[in-house]
Amino acid sequence: MASSASLNPHYSFWGDQKVEIAAIQILPVTPINEHMYDAAWAQAVYNYTLQELNDAAYGDEWKSVIYLAYSQVDPVAAARLSSSLTSWGTGNTFSNQLYFLSTRPGASNVCASAPFNPIGTFYIQSVTTNAYVTESALPDLIASSTSQSFGARFQLASAPNAGTIKAVSTNQFVTADISGSYTISASRDTVSTWEIFIIRPKEGAESGVYSILAASNKQYVTLGYNGDLINNGAIESSSAGFRLVAA
């Protein structure tokens, strides 16, 4: 195990990102290795990588193992940080993330009420305008109809720590471009990273109102001038609020 001094810049075989340099010293995350992540070292790793941990441009596969090491310091904070992950790479998994977090000393069942996406068939309604995402606008998701009868139906399904959104009428998955410059659209036959979304109760909003986070660029879905749903909100408070109305 490298000392905190060895975490000072340079590079590893995988690259020169701080999260890469730190995470490769933590892998593999297994029960037999947990005693290697002492609290002082884990805190140093967290401090060293903090700027990149807070930047959506850096990969979740590296962040996930850093959060696991950090759970030796603060398991509650590590569980909260882990709730935004959508990728765990080849050296970790979602189930291993939950297991390791929940078995830390003082964890107090931090994963017992882990959040998850709603599952089922829904209409998507903007809280701001009360308009529904409209069937006739597909493949683009545009909230422009005040009548539910003209709304598009979407099937929400589960994915690890997140989920997918599929238009019922076209059987196409909703995708979000990584640039965040375009309306999200139901235009993909299969699911990859750009077709994964985290849907959670919106902070500070009334019950039943959700925010939507695109895994492609870790930006929240906002409402454009014409009701377009665009993944360009940097923080949760900038996200649009949506109701999921059972179809």
Protein backbone atom coordinates (compact mmCIF):
# COMPACT_ATOMS: atom_id res chain seq x y z
CA MET A 1 0.00 0.00 0.00
CA ALA A 2 1.45 3.32 -1.02
CA SER A 3 1.82 6.12 1.49
CA SER A 4 -0.06 9.39 1.12
CA ALA A 5 3.16 10.98 -0.12
CA SER A 6 3.13 8.69 -3.16
CA LEU A 7 -0.25 10.15 -4.17
CA ASN A 8 1.40 13.39 -5.21
CA PRO A 9 1.08 13.97 -8.96
CA HIS A 10 2.36 12.06 -11.54
CA TYR A 11 0.77 9.25 -13.44
CA SER A 12 -0.05 5.56 -13.52
CA PHE A 13 -0.22 3.08 -16.37
CA TRP A 14 -3.92 4.02 -16.71
CA GLY A 15 -3.37 7.78 -16.89
CA ASP A 16 -2.52 10.92 -14.96
CA GLN A 17 -5.90 11.59 -13.36
CA LYS A 18 -5.76 11.69 -9.58
CA VAL A 19 -8.76 9.37 -9.30
CA GLU A 20 -6.94 6.81 -11.44
CA ILE A 21 -3.71 7.09 -9.44
CA ALA A 22 -5.58 6.67 -6.16
CA ALA A 23 -8.14 4.04 -7.15
CA ILE A 24 -5.62 1.62 -8.61
CA GLN A 25 -3.98 1.45 -5.18
CA ILE A 26 -7.31 0.44 -3.62
CA LEU A 27 -8.32 -2.32 -6.04
CA PRO A 28 -9.42 -5.02 -5.65
CA VAL A 29 -12.05 -4.14 -3.06
CA THR A 30 -12.59 -7.41 -1.19
CA PRO A 31 -13.21 -8.28 2.46
CA ILE A 32 -9.64 -9.50 2.87
CA ASN A 33 -8.32 -6.07 1.83
CA GLU A 34 -10.54 -3.90 4.03
CA HIS A 35 -7.92 -3.59 6.77
CA MET A 36 -5.55 -1.96 4.27
CA TYR A 37 -7.76 1.11 4.03
CA ASP A 38 -6.96 2.75 7.36
CA ALA A 39 -8.92 5.91 8.11
CA ALA A 40 -5.99 8.34 7.89
CA TRP A 41 -4.91 7.02 4.49
CA ALA A 42 -8.49 6.93 3.18
CA GLN A 43 -9.02 10.54 4.25
CA ALA A 44 -5.80 11.55 2.47
CA VAL A 45 -6.98 9.80 -0.70
CA TYR A 46 -10.34 11.55 -0.50
CA ASN A 47 -8.75 14.97 -0.01
CA TYR A 48 -6.28 14.36 -2.83
CA THR A 49 -8.99 13.42 -5.34
CA LEU A 50 -11.80 15.71 -4.15
CA GLN A 51 -11.74 18.12 -7.09
CA GLU A 52 -12.03 15.27 -9.59
CA LEU A 53 -14.62 13.45 -7.49
CA ASN A 54 -16.84 16.52 -7.83
CA ASP A 55 -16.33 16.72 -11.60
CA ALA A 56 -18.73 14.72 -13.79
CA ALA A 57 -16.06 14.43 -16.48
CA TYR A 58 -14.18 11.83 -14.43
CA GLY A 59 -15.32 8.22 -14.50
CA ASP A 60 -17.57 6.59 -11.90
CA GLU A 61 -15.53 3.38 -12.16
CA TRP A 62 -12.66 5.15 -10.35
CA LYS A 63 -14.83 7.16 -7.99
CA SER A 64 -16.68 4.06 -6.79
CA VAL A 65 -13.64 2.42 -5.21
CA ILE A 66 -12.48 5.70 -3.64
CA TYR A 67 -15.88 6.02 -2.00
CA LEU A 68 -15.50 2.49 -0.65
CA ALA A 69 -12.15 3.30 0.91
CA TYR A 70 -13.63 6.53 2.29
CA SER A 71 -16.37 4.51 3.99
CA GLN A 72 -13.72 3.56 6.54
CA VAL A 73 -13.81 7.24 7.57
CA ASP A 74 -17.50 8.10 7.11
CA PRO A 75 -19.80 5.31 5.86
CA VAL A 76 -22.87 7.56 5.79
CA ALA A 77 -21.17 10.14 3.55
CA ALA A 78 -19.72 7.37 1.37
CA ALA A 79 -23.19 5.87 0.89
CA ARG A 80 -24.59 9.27 -0.07
CA LEU A 81 -21.78 9.83 -2.59
CA SER A 82 -22.29 6.34 -4.01
CA SER A 83 -25.98 7.04 -4.69
CA SER A 84 -25.06 8.99 -7.84
CA LEU A 85 -22.95 6.24 -9.43
CA THR A 86 -23.99 4.53 -12.66
CA SER A 87 -20.79 2.64 -13.53
CA TRP A 88 -18.45 0.46 -11.45
CA GLY A 89 -15.90 -0.72 -14.00
CA THR A 90 -14.44 -4.23 -14.12
CA GLY A 91 -13.01 -4.16 -10.60
CA ASN A 92 -16.23 -3.47 -8.73
CA THR A 93 -20.00 -3.97 -8.97
CA PHE A 94 -23.13 -2.26 -7.67
CA SER A 95 -23.85 -5.19 -5.32
CA ASN A 96 -20.30 -5.13 -3.98
CA GLN A 97 -20.61 -1.38 -3.43
CA LEU A 98 -23.72 -1.90 -1.30
CA TYR A 99 -22.23 -4.85 0.60
CA PHE A 100 -18.98 -3.11 1.48
CA LEU A 101 -20.71 0.12 2.55
CA SER A 102 -23.27 -1.65 4.70
CA THR A 103 -20.66 -3.76 6.54
CA ARG A 104 -18.46 -0.88 7.72
CA PRO A 105 -18.25 -0.25 11.47
CA GLY A 106 -20.91 2.28 12.36
CA ALA A 107 -22.67 1.93 9.03
CA SER A 108 -26.07 1.56 10.77
CA ASN A 109 -27.83 0.05 7.78
CA VAL A 110 -26.85 2.94 5.51
CA CYS A 111 -27.94 0.95 2.44
CA ALA A 112 -31.17 -0.46 3.86
CA SER A 113 -33.19 2.35 2.28
CA ALA A 114 -31.04 2.91 -0.80
CA PRO A 115 -32.96 5.00 -3.35
CA PHE A 116 -34.14 3.51 -6.63
CA ASN A 117 -35.93 4.60 -9.78
CA PRO A 118 -39.70 4.28 -10.03
CA ILE A 119 -40.72 1.25 -12.09
CA GLY A 120 -43.82 0.98 -14.25
CA THR A 121 -45.60 2.74 -17.12
CA PHE A 122 -46.09 6.49 -16.78
CA TYR A 123 -46.86 9.78 -18.44
CA ILE A 124 -44.18 12.41 -17.75
CA GLN A 125 -45.62 15.77 -16.67
CA SER A 126 -43.76 19.03 -16.09
CA VAL A 127 -44.48 20.56 -12.70
CA THR A 128 -43.66 24.04 -14.01
CA THR A 129 -46.15 24.06 -16.91
CA ASN A 130 -48.37 21.04 -16.07
CA ALA A 131 -47.79 19.93 -19.67
CA TYR A 132 -47.21 16.30 -20.58
CA VAL A 133 -44.44 14.96 -22.80
CA THR A 134 -46.34 14.71 -26.07
CA GLU A 135 -46.76 11.60 -28.21
CA SER A 136 -46.77 13.53 -31.49
CA ALA A 137 -43.36 15.11 -30.72
CA LEU A 138 -41.57 11.76 -30.44
CA PRO A 139 -38.78 10.84 -30.79
CA ASP A 140 -38.00 14.15 -29.02
CA LEU A 141 -39.27 14.51 -25.46
CA ILE A 142 -41.15 17.80 -25.39
CA ALA A 143 -43.64 18.69 -22.66
CA SER A 144 -46.19 20.62 -24.69
CA SER A 145 -49.61 19.04 -24.21
CA THR A 146 -51.94 20.11 -21.41
CA SER A 147 -54.09 17.04 -22.06
CA GLN A 148 -52.98 13.65 -20.77
CA SER A 149 -54.79 12.01 -23.67
CA PHE A 150 -52.12 13.40 -26.02
CA GLY A 151 -49.27 12.40 -23.74
CA ALA A 152 -46.69 9.75 -24.56
CA ARG A 153 -46.47 6.70 -22.33
CA PHE A 154 -43.09 5.57 -21.07
CA GLN A 155 -41.99 2.32 -19.49
CA LEU A 156 -39.52 2.86 -16.66
CA ALA A 157 -37.35 -0.15 -15.86
CA SER A 158 -34.57 -0.85 -13.39
CA ALA A 159 -30.81 -0.72 -13.92
CA PRO A 160 -28.17 -0.81 -11.17
CA ASN A 161 -28.69 2.33 -9.05
CA ALA A 162 -30.61 3.87 -11.97
CA GLY A 163 -32.96 2.87 -14.78
CA THR A 164 -34.11 3.17 -18.37
CA ILE A 165 -36.95 5.08 -20.03
CA LYS A 166 -38.63 3.56 -23.10
CA ALA A 167 -41.40 5.02 -25.25
CA VAL A 168 -44.22 2.48 -25.31
CA SER A 169 -45.55 3.39 -28.77
CA THR A 170 -42.20 3.12 -30.58
CA ASN A 171 -40.38 0.65 -28.30
CA GLN A 172 -37.37 3.00 -28.36
CA PHE A 173 -35.17 3.84 -25.38
CA VAL A 174 -34.66 7.45 -24.37
CA THR A 175 -31.11 8.67 -24.90
CA ALA A 176 -29.25 11.78 -23.71
CA ASP A 177 -26.40 13.19 -25.77
CA ILE A 178 -23.20 13.70 -23.79
CA SER A 179 -22.97 17.33 -24.91
CA GLY A 180 -26.21 18.31 -23.18
CA SER A 181 -27.03 20.53 -26.17
CA TYR A 182 -29.95 18.57 -27.58
CA THR A 183 -33.43 17.48 -26.56
CA ILE A 184 -33.35 13.99 -25.09
CA SER A 185 -35.03 11.58 -27.47
CA ALA A 186 -36.57 8.12 -27.64
CA SER A 187 -34.37 6.90 -30.48
CA ARG A 188 -32.28 3.91 -29.43
CA ASP A 189 -32.97 0.21 -29.96
CA THR A 190 -30.66 -0.91 -27.16
CA VAL A 191 -29.28 0.42 -23.89
CA SER A 192 -25.80 1.74 -23.23
CA THR A 193 -24.45 4.52 -20.98
CA TRP A 194 -26.37 7.30 -22.73
CA GLU A 195 -29.68 5.50 -22.12
CA ILE A 196 -29.34 5.36 -18.32
CA PHE A 197 -31.05 7.86 -16.00
CA ILE A 198 -31.24 8.38 -12.25
CA ILE A 199 -34.75 9.44 -11.22
CA ARG A 200 -35.11 10.55 -7.60
CA PRO A 201 -37.49 12.68 -5.50
CA LYS A 202 -36.54 16.31 -6.17
CA GLU A 203 -35.02 18.01 -3.15
CA GLY A 204 -37.32 20.58 -1.57
CA ALA A 205 -40.26 19.72 -3.83
CA GLU A 206 -43.62 18.30 -2.85
CA SER A 207 -44.13 14.55 -2.67
CA GLY A 208 -44.34 12.86 -6.05
CA VAL A 209 -42.06 15.32 -7.86
CA TYR A 210 -38.84 13.94 -9.36
CA SER A 211 -35.60 15.15 -10.89
CA ILE A 212 -33.97 13.24 -13.74
CA LEU A 213 -30.19 12.89 -14.04
CA ALA A 214 -28.62 11.68 -17.29
CA ALA A 215 -25.79 9.18 -16.79
CA SER A 216 -24.19 10.24 -20.07
CA ASN A 217 -22.91 13.55 -18.71
CA LYS A 218 -24.18 13.63 -15.09
CA GLN A 219 -26.35 16.65 -15.87
CA TYR A 220 -29.91 17.14 -14.73
CA VAL A 221 -32.81 17.39 -17.16
CA THR A 222 -34.17 20.92 -17.48
CA LEU A 223 -37.11 22.35 -19.38
CA GLY A 224 -36.31 24.39 -22.49
CA TYR A 225 -38.23 27.34 -23.89
CA ASN A 226 -40.57 25.14 -25.94
CA GLY A 227 -40.88 22.46 -23.30
CA ASP A 228 -37.88 20.49 -24.56
CA LEU A 229 -36.30 18.15 -22.00
CA ILE A 230 -32.53 18.82 -22.13
CA ASN A 231 -29.80 17.31 -19.94
CA ASN A 232 -27.88 20.49 -19.16
CA GLY A 233 -28.50 21.27 -15.49
CA ALA A 234 -25.27 21.26 -13.49
CA ILE A 235 -26.85 20.92 -10.05
CA GLU A 236 -30.01 19.35 -8.66
CA SER A 237 -31.61 22.69 -7.85
CA SER A 238 -31.41 23.64 -11.53
CA SER A 239 -33.32 20.56 -12.61
CA ALA A 240 -36.92 20.65 -13.75
CA GLY A 241 -39.47 18.87 -11.59
CA PHE A 242 -41.54 16.09 -13.12
CA ARG A 243 -44.55 14.08 -12.02
CA LEU A 244 -44.79 10.47 -13.10
CA VAL A 245 -48.47 9.85 -13.71
CA ALA A 246 -49.46 6.18 -13.83
CA ALA A 247 -50.64 5.16 -17.28
